[in-house]
Amino acid sequence: MKQHVDLLLMNIGQLLTMESIGPKEGKDMQELVMLEDAVVGITNGKVVLIGERESEEGIQAAEVIDCQGKLVSPGLVDPHTHVVFGGSREHEMALKQQGVPYLEILKQGGGILSTVEHTRQATEDHLYEKAYFHLDRMLSHGVTTAEIKSGYGLDVETELKQLKVAKRLQQNHPIDLVSTFLGAHAIPHEYKDDPQAFLDEMVGMLDLIKIEELAEFVDIFTETGVFTVEQSRDYLTRAQEKGFGLKIHADEIDPLGGTELAADLGASSADHLVGASDEGIKKLAESKTIAVLLPGTTFYLGKETFARARKMIDEGVRVALATDFNPGSCPTENIQLIMTFAALKLNMSPEEIWNAMTVNAAYAIGRGEQAGQVVVGRQADLVIWDAPNYQYLPYHYGVNHVNTVIKNGQIVSRRREVSETISLSPKS
């Protein structure tokens, strides 16, 4: 008797199932779980079968997609974004090219404080519509699950506005979103002489955020000129006591010890880590904290030194990758571009990159049991790529390779019918 499915993906060249029990660490990131000449069956939004081409004969489908030998993967996961913000900062690029220091740009009303001002002035509806537009772009590039941070309010009213926008987006946009409260993103002018009072004010928001289910995680920017390790430890400990998961913008510039703090507190992730010390990397390897690396930010800021991904992976750290999409230091929704940066600037292999953008990225935002893998019984989040194999995406950069995005078993983004695309080169 034939098995009935709603949607059948047949003639898949390479199927990256990425099946894994827990995040991948160290040398295990070199391993890909892959099936060639495969089929996937989907019913009621769930994956119900995965098999080889021969199993097609026993399947009856309401709809069939002939993948024509293309690559199919889980939907990608972007575990670090700042999607909800007002305004933009393209005028600052010329200033940076002229060598104007960031502090001078701040004095001229630019930098993060410019985004804060625009976000404070924007209505909730405007922020929602703008963020929806950016999320559509992310979806079209293959992202089906993402984290979304506040942090451009730096006051109670605007931070809550951002979090409420994020909740509306969670309810309405196809991408599954995980919300993080980043009220401690910078020190506002009005608290420049008393940053602890500002942190106390942000802590005062946590009970309401918890009651209204506006965020799962709390984050802080631990960096020179922002918040110290001691301030961050106190702040995050208080958040943890209220039941929030923890994240840290750690050691982006200077090795202050934010990486070590993340490991000490059992944070879900430590992000950036360009300046992470040898001791910090060692402690990460001994912990369950995932290192979320953001090479697009380092590239856009014109820095020569990138996070030491090779050392991290070789020492056993769990590494994930993200865009860090934001208006100031990484204005791109193209997560595929991050694949190339990871290959060329972080010296990561294609296998490590795919694990970092699926399995590990999902675990970094508490979605390891729902996203990042193609497994029978899970929600059907898949991408059909105009690519012959998994090595192709980091290699052929700067364009969008997505053909079709399937979210919860439904086609939510498609550039063209698969049958209309040209034949690809044989698998290498």
Protein backbone atom coordinates (compact mmCIF):
# COMPACT_ATOMS: atom_id res chain seq x y z
CA MET A 1 0.00 0.00 0.00
CA LYS A 2 1.32 3.41 -0.96
CA GLN A 3 2.14 6.06 1.62
CA HIS A 4 0.28 9.34 1.09
CA VAL A 5 2.04 12.69 1.68
CA ASP A 6 1.10 16.31 1.09
CA LEU A 7 4.39 17.26 -0.57
CA LEU A 8 7.16 15.12 -1.99
CA LEU A 9 10.64 16.44 -2.77
CA MET A 10 12.18 13.97 -5.22
CA ASN A 11 15.41 13.73 -7.20
CA ILE A 12 17.43 15.53 -4.52
CA GLY A 13 21.13 15.49 -5.40
CA GLN A 14 22.44 16.00 -1.87
CA LEU A 15 20.17 16.15 1.18
CA LEU A 16 21.84 17.63 4.24
CA THR A 17 19.80 16.23 7.11
CA MET A 18 22.32 17.57 9.68
CA GLU A 19 20.91 15.05 12.15
CA SER A 20 22.63 15.45 15.51
CA ILE A 21 22.02 14.81 19.19
CA GLY A 22 23.06 18.15 20.62
CA PRO A 23 25.37 20.79 19.12
CA LYS A 24 28.54 19.81 17.27
CA GLU A 25 31.87 20.65 18.87
CA GLY A 26 35.50 20.53 17.83
CA LYS A 27 36.41 17.94 15.21
CA ASP A 28 32.79 16.71 15.13
CA MET A 29 31.96 19.90 13.21
CA GLN A 30 33.74 18.30 10.24
CA GLU A 31 31.03 15.66 10.01
CA LEU A 32 27.96 16.15 7.82
CA VAL A 33 24.97 13.84 7.88
CA MET A 34 24.02 13.66 4.22
CA LEU A 35 22.01 11.46 1.88
CA GLU A 36 22.44 11.43 -1.90
CA ASP A 37 19.75 10.76 -4.51
CA ALA A 38 17.15 11.31 -1.83
CA VAL A 39 13.46 12.02 -1.32
CA VAL A 40 11.63 13.84 1.48
CA GLY A 41 7.94 13.49 2.26
CA ILE A 42 5.98 16.16 4.15
CA THR A 43 2.51 15.94 5.69
CA ASN A 44 0.74 18.46 7.93
CA GLY A 45 3.86 20.60 8.06
CA LYS A 46 6.06 17.78 9.35
CA VAL A 47 8.73 15.61 7.76
CA VAL A 48 7.22 12.13 7.60
CA LEU A 49 9.75 10.27 5.51
CA ILE A 50 13.33 10.50 4.31
CA GLY A 51 14.61 7.92 1.89
CA GLU A 52 16.57 7.09 -1.22
CA ARG A 53 15.28 7.58 -4.75
CA GLU A 54 13.97 4.00 -4.99
CA SER A 55 11.41 4.69 -2.26
CA GLU A 56 9.54 7.12 -4.56
CA GLU A 57 7.59 4.23 -6.05
CA GLY A 58 5.82 3.58 -2.77
CA ILE A 59 4.69 7.18 -2.26
CA GLN A 60 1.61 9.03 -3.47
CA ALA A 61 1.81 12.82 -3.15
CA ALA A 62 -0.67 15.66 -3.53
CA GLU A 63 2.19 17.83 -4.80
CA VAL A 64 5.61 16.87 -6.14
CA ILE A 65 8.73 18.98 -6.59
CA ASP A 66 11.42 17.49 -8.82
CA CYS A 67 14.61 18.98 -7.35
CA GLN A 68 16.58 18.04 -10.48
CA GLY A 69 19.69 16.99 -8.60
CA LYS A 70 19.92 20.19 -6.56
CA LEU A 71 21.13 20.57 -2.99
CA VAL A 72 18.48 20.54 -0.25
CA SER A 73 19.21 21.54 3.35
CA PRO A 74 17.44 22.50 6.55
CA GLY A 75 16.31 26.10 6.73
CA LEU A 76 19.22 28.21 7.96
CA VAL A 77 19.26 29.67 11.46
CA ASP A 78 20.52 33.21 12.16
CA PRO A 79 21.24 33.40 15.91
CA HIS A 80 22.24 37.09 16.20
CA THR A 81 20.32 39.95 14.56
CA HIS A 82 19.11 43.46 15.38
CA VAL A 83 16.15 43.62 12.98
CA VAL A 84 13.93 46.13 14.81
CA PHE A 85 15.33 49.66 14.41
CA GLY A 86 14.50 53.07 13.02
CA GLY A 87 16.38 54.97 10.32
CA SER A 88 19.62 53.99 8.61
CA ARG A 89 23.22 55.20 8.65
CA GLU A 90 24.53 55.11 5.07
CA HIS A 91 25.90 58.66 5.42
CA GLU A 92 28.44 57.39 7.97
CA MET A 93 30.27 55.28 5.39
CA ALA A 94 31.86 58.35 3.78
CA LEU A 95 32.93 59.62 7.20
CA LYS A 96 34.57 56.28 8.00
CA GLN A 97 36.36 56.32 4.64
CA GLN A 98 37.72 59.77 5.50
CA GLY A 99 39.13 58.37 8.72
CA VAL A 100 36.72 60.17 11.05
CA PRO A 101 36.92 58.34 14.41
CA TYR A 102 33.77 56.68 15.72
CA LEU A 103 33.74 58.92 18.78
CA GLU A 104 33.69 61.95 16.51
CA ILE A 105 30.82 60.44 14.54
CA LEU A 106 29.01 60.05 17.86
CA LYS A 107 29.61 63.71 18.68
CA GLN A 108 28.05 64.62 15.32
CA GLY A 109 24.91 62.73 16.29
CA GLY A 110 25.78 59.53 14.44
CA GLY A 111 26.65 56.03 15.54
CA ILE A 112 24.37 53.94 17.71
CA LEU A 113 22.86 57.04 19.28
CA SER A 114 21.55 58.06 15.84
CA THR A 115 19.73 54.75 15.56
CA VAL A 116 18.45 55.16 19.11
CA GLU A 117 16.99 58.57 18.28
CA HIS A 118 15.26 57.30 15.13
CA THR A 119 13.93 54.25 16.97
CA ARG A 120 12.57 56.38 19.79
CA GLN A 121 10.76 58.61 17.30
CA ALA A 122 9.32 55.78 15.18
CA THR A 123 5.85 54.41 15.78
CA GLU A 124 5.38 50.76 16.62
CA ASP A 125 3.65 50.21 13.28
CA HIS A 126 6.53 51.78 11.36
CA LEU A 127 9.10 49.62 13.15
CA TYR A 128 6.96 46.56 12.50
CA GLU A 129 6.63 47.23 8.77
CA LYS A 130 10.34 48.01 8.41
CA ALA A 131 11.39 44.89 10.30
CA TYR A 132 8.95 42.75 8.30
CA PHE A 133 10.64 43.97 5.11
CA HIS A 134 14.08 42.95 6.41
CA LEU A 135 12.78 39.56 7.59
CA ASP A 136 11.35 38.92 4.13
CA ARG A 137 14.84 39.44 2.73
CA MET A 138 16.32 37.06 5.30
CA LEU A 139 13.69 34.46 4.40
CA SER A 140 14.46 34.82 0.70
CA HIS A 141 18.11 34.01 1.51
CA GLY A 142 17.19 30.77 3.26
CA VAL A 143 16.69 31.75 6.93
CA THR A 144 13.71 30.07 8.58
CA THR A 145 14.58 30.66 12.25
CA ALA A 146 16.28 33.70 13.78
CA GLU A 147 17.01 35.59 16.96
CA ILE A 148 15.89 39.22 17.20
CA LYS A 149 17.26 41.73 19.74
CA SER A 150 16.06 45.00 21.20
CA GLY A 151 18.74 47.51 22.23
CA TYR A 152 18.03 50.65 20.21
CA GLY A 153 15.81 52.23 22.82
CA LEU A 154 18.04 52.61 25.87
CA ASP A 155 14.96 53.68 27.81
CA VAL A 156 12.02 51.75 29.22
CA GLU A 157 9.42 53.00 26.74
CA THR A 158 11.37 52.32 23.56
CA GLU A 159 12.84 49.00 24.67
CA LEU A 160 9.33 47.77 25.41
CA LYS A 161 8.20 49.10 22.02
CA GLN A 162 10.91 47.10 20.27
CA LEU A 163 10.06 43.95 22.20
CA LYS A 164 6.36 44.34 21.40
CA VAL A 165 7.22 44.70 17.72
CA ALA A 166 9.31 41.53 17.96
CA LYS A 167 6.36 39.69 19.51
CA ARG A 168 4.04 40.83 16.69
CA LEU A 169 6.60 39.62 14.18
CA GLN A 170 6.81 36.26 15.96
CA GLN A 171 3.07 35.90 15.58
CA ASN A 172 2.83 37.00 11.96
CA HIS A 173 6.03 36.40 10.00
CA PRO A 174 6.90 32.98 8.55
CA ILE A 175 10.35 33.00 10.18
CA ASP A 176 10.33 31.54 13.69
CA LEU A 177 11.73 34.29 15.93
CA VAL A 178 13.40 34.16 19.33
CA SER A 179 13.41 37.45 21.24
CA THR A 180 16.33 38.81 23.28
CA PHE A 181 16.26 41.85 25.57
CA LEU A 182 19.39 43.92 24.92
CA GLY A 183 18.50 47.01 26.92
CA ALA A 184 22.14 47.12 28.08
CA HIS A 185 23.44 47.79 24.55
CA ALA A 186 25.09 51.12 25.31
CA ILE A 187 25.11 53.85 27.95
CA PRO A 188 22.63 56.62 27.06
CA HIS A 189 23.70 60.27 27.42
CA GLU A 190 21.48 60.80 30.41
CA TYR A 191 23.29 58.05 32.35
CA LYS A 192 26.85 58.61 31.16
CA ASP A 193 27.96 59.46 34.70
CA ASP A 194 26.02 56.66 36.38
CA PRO A 195 25.85 53.51 34.21
CA GLN A 196 24.89 51.38 37.21
CA ALA A 197 21.70 53.37 37.65
CA PHE A 198 20.88 52.65 34.00
CA LEU A 199 21.49 48.92 34.49
CA ASP A 200 19.24 48.99 37.55
CA GLU A 201 16.52 50.59 35.43
CA MET A 202 16.88 47.85 32.81
CA VAL A 203 16.70 45.16 35.51
CA GLY A 204 13.52 46.82 36.70
CA MET A 205 11.91 45.92 33.36
CA LEU A 206 12.55 42.19 33.64
CA ASP A 207 9.46 41.22 35.63
CA LEU A 208 7.16 42.87 33.09
CA ILE A 209 9.10 41.34 30.18
CA LYS A 210 8.71 37.91 31.78
CA ILE A 211 5.00 38.34 32.51
CA GLU A 212 4.20 39.54 28.99
CA GLU A 213 6.52 36.94 27.41
CA LEU A 214 8.42 39.58 25.45
CA ALA A 215 11.85 37.91 25.58
CA GLU A 216 13.50 34.58 26.37
CA PHE A 217 17.07 35.85 26.68
CA VAL A 218 18.87 38.82 28.22
CA ASP A 219 22.04 40.20 26.61
CA ILE A 220 24.61 42.86 27.53
CA PHE A 221 27.46 44.58 25.67
CA THR A 222 30.58 43.85 27.71
CA GLU A 223 33.27 46.06 26.21
CA THR A 224 35.66 48.93 26.83
CA GLY A 225 33.63 52.12 27.16
CA VAL A 226 30.38 50.25 27.66
CA PHE A 227 29.87 47.79 30.55
CA THR A 228 32.57 46.14 32.63
CA VAL A 229 32.82 42.44 33.40
CA GLU A 230 31.78 43.13 36.99
CA GLN A 231 28.73 45.13 35.92
CA SER A 232 27.85 42.45 33.39
CA ARG A 233 28.17 39.63 35.91
CA ASP A 234 25.81 41.36 38.34
CA TYR A 235 23.32 42.26 35.61
CA LEU A 236 23.22 38.83 34.02
CA THR A 237 23.05 37.05 37.36
CA ARG A 238 19.99 39.08 38.26
CA ALA A 239 18.42 38.22 34.90
CA GLN A 240 19.24 34.55 35.35
CA GLU A 241 17.57 34.56 38.76
CA LYS A 242 14.39 35.74 37.04
CA GLY A 243 14.44 32.80 34.66
CA PHE A 244 15.99 34.30 31.53
CA GLY A 245 18.55 32.62 29.33
CA LEU A 246 21.80 34.54 28.95
CA LYS A 247 23.76 35.94 26.03
CA ILE A 248 26.78 38.26 25.99
CA HIS A 249 28.27 40.61 23.42
CA ALA A 250 31.74 39.58 24.58
CA ASP A 251 35.27 40.72 23.77
CA GLU A 252 34.40 42.23 20.39
CA ILE A 253 37.39 44.58 20.59
CA ASP A 254 39.35 44.09 23.80
CA PRO A 255 39.92 40.87 25.76
CA LEU A 256 38.15 42.07 28.91
CA GLY A 257 37.01 38.64 30.07
CA GLY A 258 33.48 38.57 28.68
CA THR A 259 34.19 35.19 27.11
CA GLU A 260 35.20 33.74 30.47
CA LEU A 261 32.14 35.31 32.07
CA ALA A 262 29.83 33.66 29.54
CA ALA A 263 31.34 30.27 30.35
CA ASP A 264 31.18 30.90 34.11
CA LEU A 265 27.49 31.79 33.99
CA GLY A 266 26.53 29.02 31.57
CA ALA A 267 25.31 31.48 28.96
CA SER A 268 23.64 30.00 25.89
CA SER A 269 26.06 31.92 23.72
CA ALA A 270 28.98 34.33 23.75
CA ASP A 271 28.91 36.50 20.64
CA HIS A 272 31.59 38.35 18.59
CA LEU A 273 34.72 37.09 20.45
CA VAL A 274 37.22 38.78 18.13
CA GLY A 275 39.38 39.63 21.13
CA ALA A 276 38.75 36.46 23.12
CA SER A 277 41.82 35.37 25.08
CA ASP A 278 43.43 31.93 25.04
CA GLU A 279 42.03 31.36 28.53
CA GLY A 280 38.58 32.44 27.37
CA ILE A 281 38.66 29.98 24.48
CA LYS A 282 39.79 27.23 26.82
CA LYS A 283 36.92 27.95 29.19
CA LEU A 284 34.43 27.96 26.31
CA ALA A 285 35.70 24.54 25.25
CA GLU A 286 35.09 23.26 28.77
CA SER A 287 31.57 24.72 28.88
CA LYS A 288 28.32 24.26 26.97
CA THR A 289 28.29 27.88 25.83
CA ILE A 290 28.21 28.29 22.04
CA ALA A 291 30.51 30.81 20.36
CA VAL A 292 28.48 32.86 17.87
CA LEU A 293 30.92 34.45 15.42
CA LEU A 294 30.06 37.45 13.27
CA PRO A 295 32.65 37.85 10.50
CA GLY A 296 30.41 40.16 8.49
CA THR A 297 30.75 42.80 11.21
CA THR A 298 34.54 42.56 11.27
CA PHE A 299 34.60 42.83 7.48
CA TYR A 300 32.29 45.85 7.33
CA LEU A 301 34.24 47.70 10.01
CA GLY A 302 37.40 47.27 7.96
CA LYS A 303 39.24 45.31 10.64
CA GLU A 304 42.12 43.01 9.80
CA THR A 305 41.78 40.68 12.78
CA PHE A 306 38.89 38.22 12.83
CA ALA A 307 37.69 35.87 15.55
CA ARG A 308 39.99 32.87 15.95
CA ALA A 309 37.52 30.28 14.75
CA ARG A 310 40.22 27.79 13.80
CA LYS A 311 41.68 27.79 17.31
CA MET A 312 38.23 27.58 18.86
CA ILE A 313 37.15 24.60 16.81
CA ASP A 314 40.49 22.83 17.17
CA GLU A 315 40.21 23.20 20.96
CA GLY A 316 36.67 21.81 21.06
CA VAL A 317 34.46 24.92 21.14
CA ARG A 318 30.93 24.77 19.74
CA VAL A 319 30.87 27.42 17.01
CA ALA A 320 27.88 29.04 15.29
CA LEU A 321 27.71 31.80 12.69
CA ALA A 322 25.33 34.75 12.30
CA THR A 323 24.87 37.91 10.25
CA ASP A 324 24.63 40.43 13.12
CA PHE A 325 22.29 42.33 10.77
CA ASN A 326 22.10 45.90 12.07
CA PRO A 327 22.19 49.43 10.64
CA GLY A 328 25.66 50.39 11.86
CA SER A 329 28.21 47.61 11.68
CA CYS A 330 26.71 44.92 9.44
CA PRO A 331 23.85 46.11 7.21
CA THR A 332 23.20 42.89 5.30
CA GLU A 333 20.47 40.25 5.49
CA ASN A 334 22.48 37.91 3.25
CA ILE A 335 23.54 35.03 5.49
CA GLN A 336 25.06 33.27 2.47
CA LEU A 337 27.67 36.02 2.28
CA ILE A 338 28.66 35.10 5.85
CA MET A 339 29.46 31.60 4.59
CA THR A 340 32.15 33.02 2.32
CA PHE A 341 33.57 35.26 5.05
CA ALA A 342 33.71 32.22 7.34
CA ALA A 343 35.62 30.26 4.70
CA LEU A 344 38.09 32.99 3.70
CA LYS A 345 38.51 34.96 6.94
CA LEU A 346 37.81 32.37 9.64
CA ASN A 347 39.42 29.44 7.77
CA MET A 348 36.37 27.24 8.35
CA SER A 349 35.66 24.26 6.11
CA PRO A 350 32.33 23.93 4.26
CA GLU A 351 31.31 21.16 6.66
CA GLU A 352 32.02 23.35 9.69
CA ILE A 353 30.14 26.25 8.12
CA TRP A 354 27.00 24.20 7.52
CA ASN A 355 27.03 22.85 11.08
CA ALA A 356 27.55 26.39 12.37
CA MET A 357 24.54 27.73 10.44
CA THR A 358 22.10 24.93 11.22
CA VAL A 359 22.56 22.64 14.23
CA ASN A 360 24.77 24.88 16.37
CA ALA A 361 22.97 28.09 15.49
CA ALA A 362 19.67 26.50 16.53
CA TYR A 363 21.05 25.39 19.89
CA ALA A 364 22.53 28.85 20.46
CA ILE A 365 19.01 30.29 20.63
CA GLY A 366 17.27 27.45 22.41
CA ARG A 367 15.75 25.88 19.29
CA GLY A 368 17.98 22.86 18.90
CA GLU A 369 15.05 20.46 19.17
CA GLN A 370 12.95 22.27 16.55
CA ALA A 371 15.23 23.82 13.92
CA GLY A 372 18.45 23.19 12.02
CA GLN A 373 17.85 19.56 11.04
CA VAL A 374 15.75 17.57 8.58
CA VAL A 375 14.47 14.74 10.74
CA VAL A 376 11.30 12.67 10.63
CA GLY A 377 8.81 14.13 13.08
CA ARG A 378 10.17 17.67 13.03
CA GLN A 379 8.63 20.69 11.36
CA ALA A 380 9.45 20.75 7.67
CA ASP A 381 11.79 23.75 7.23
CA LEU A 382 13.86 23.17 4.09
CA VAL A 383 15.66 25.07 1.36
CA ILE A 384 16.12 23.95 -2.24
CA TRP A 385 19.29 25.57 -3.54
CA ASP A 386 20.35 26.39 -7.09
CA ALA A 387 23.58 24.59 -6.28
CA PRO A 388 24.90 21.13 -7.12
CA ASN A 389 26.52 20.43 -3.75
CA TYR A 390 27.12 21.88 -0.28
CA GLN A 391 30.63 23.16 -1.10
CA TYR A 392 29.22 25.44 -3.79
CA LEU A 393 27.65 28.10 -1.56
CA PRO A 394 30.79 29.40 0.21
CA TYR A 395 32.63 29.26 -3.13
CA HIS A 396 30.23 31.22 -5.36
CA TYR A 397 29.68 34.37 -3.32
CA GLY A 398 27.70 37.59 -3.41
CA VAL A 399 24.52 36.21 -4.96
CA ASN A 400 21.41 34.48 -3.66
CA HIS A 401 21.45 30.74 -4.36
CA VAL A 402 17.99 30.02 -2.94
CA ASN A 403 15.50 28.48 -5.31
CA THR A 404 12.68 27.59 -2.90
CA VAL A 405 12.10 27.99 0.85
CA ILE A 406 9.68 25.64 2.59
CA LYS A 407 8.48 26.60 6.07
CA ASN A 408 6.31 24.24 8.11
CA GLY A 409 5.64 22.32 4.91
CA GLN A 410 4.49 25.37 2.93
CA ILE A 411 6.33 27.10 0.11
CA VAL A 412 6.94 30.61 1.47
CA SER A 413 9.56 31.90 -0.97
CA ARG A 414 10.30 30.85 -4.52
CA ARG A 415 12.33 32.66 -7.16
CA ARG A 416 11.17 30.38 -9.95
CA GLU A 417 9.82 26.91 -10.49
CA VAL A 418 12.55 24.33 -10.05
CA SER A 419 11.71 22.96 -13.48
CA GLU A 420 12.44 26.35 -15.04
CA THR A 421 16.04 26.48 -13.80
CA ILE A 422 18.96 25.28 -15.88
CA SER A 423 20.70 22.00 -15.23
CA LEU A 424 23.61 22.20 -12.83
CA SER A 425 27.05 20.68 -13.10
CA PRO A 426 27.48 17.12 -11.83
CA LYS A 427 28.21 16.59 -8.14
CA SER A 428 31.90 16.94 -7.35
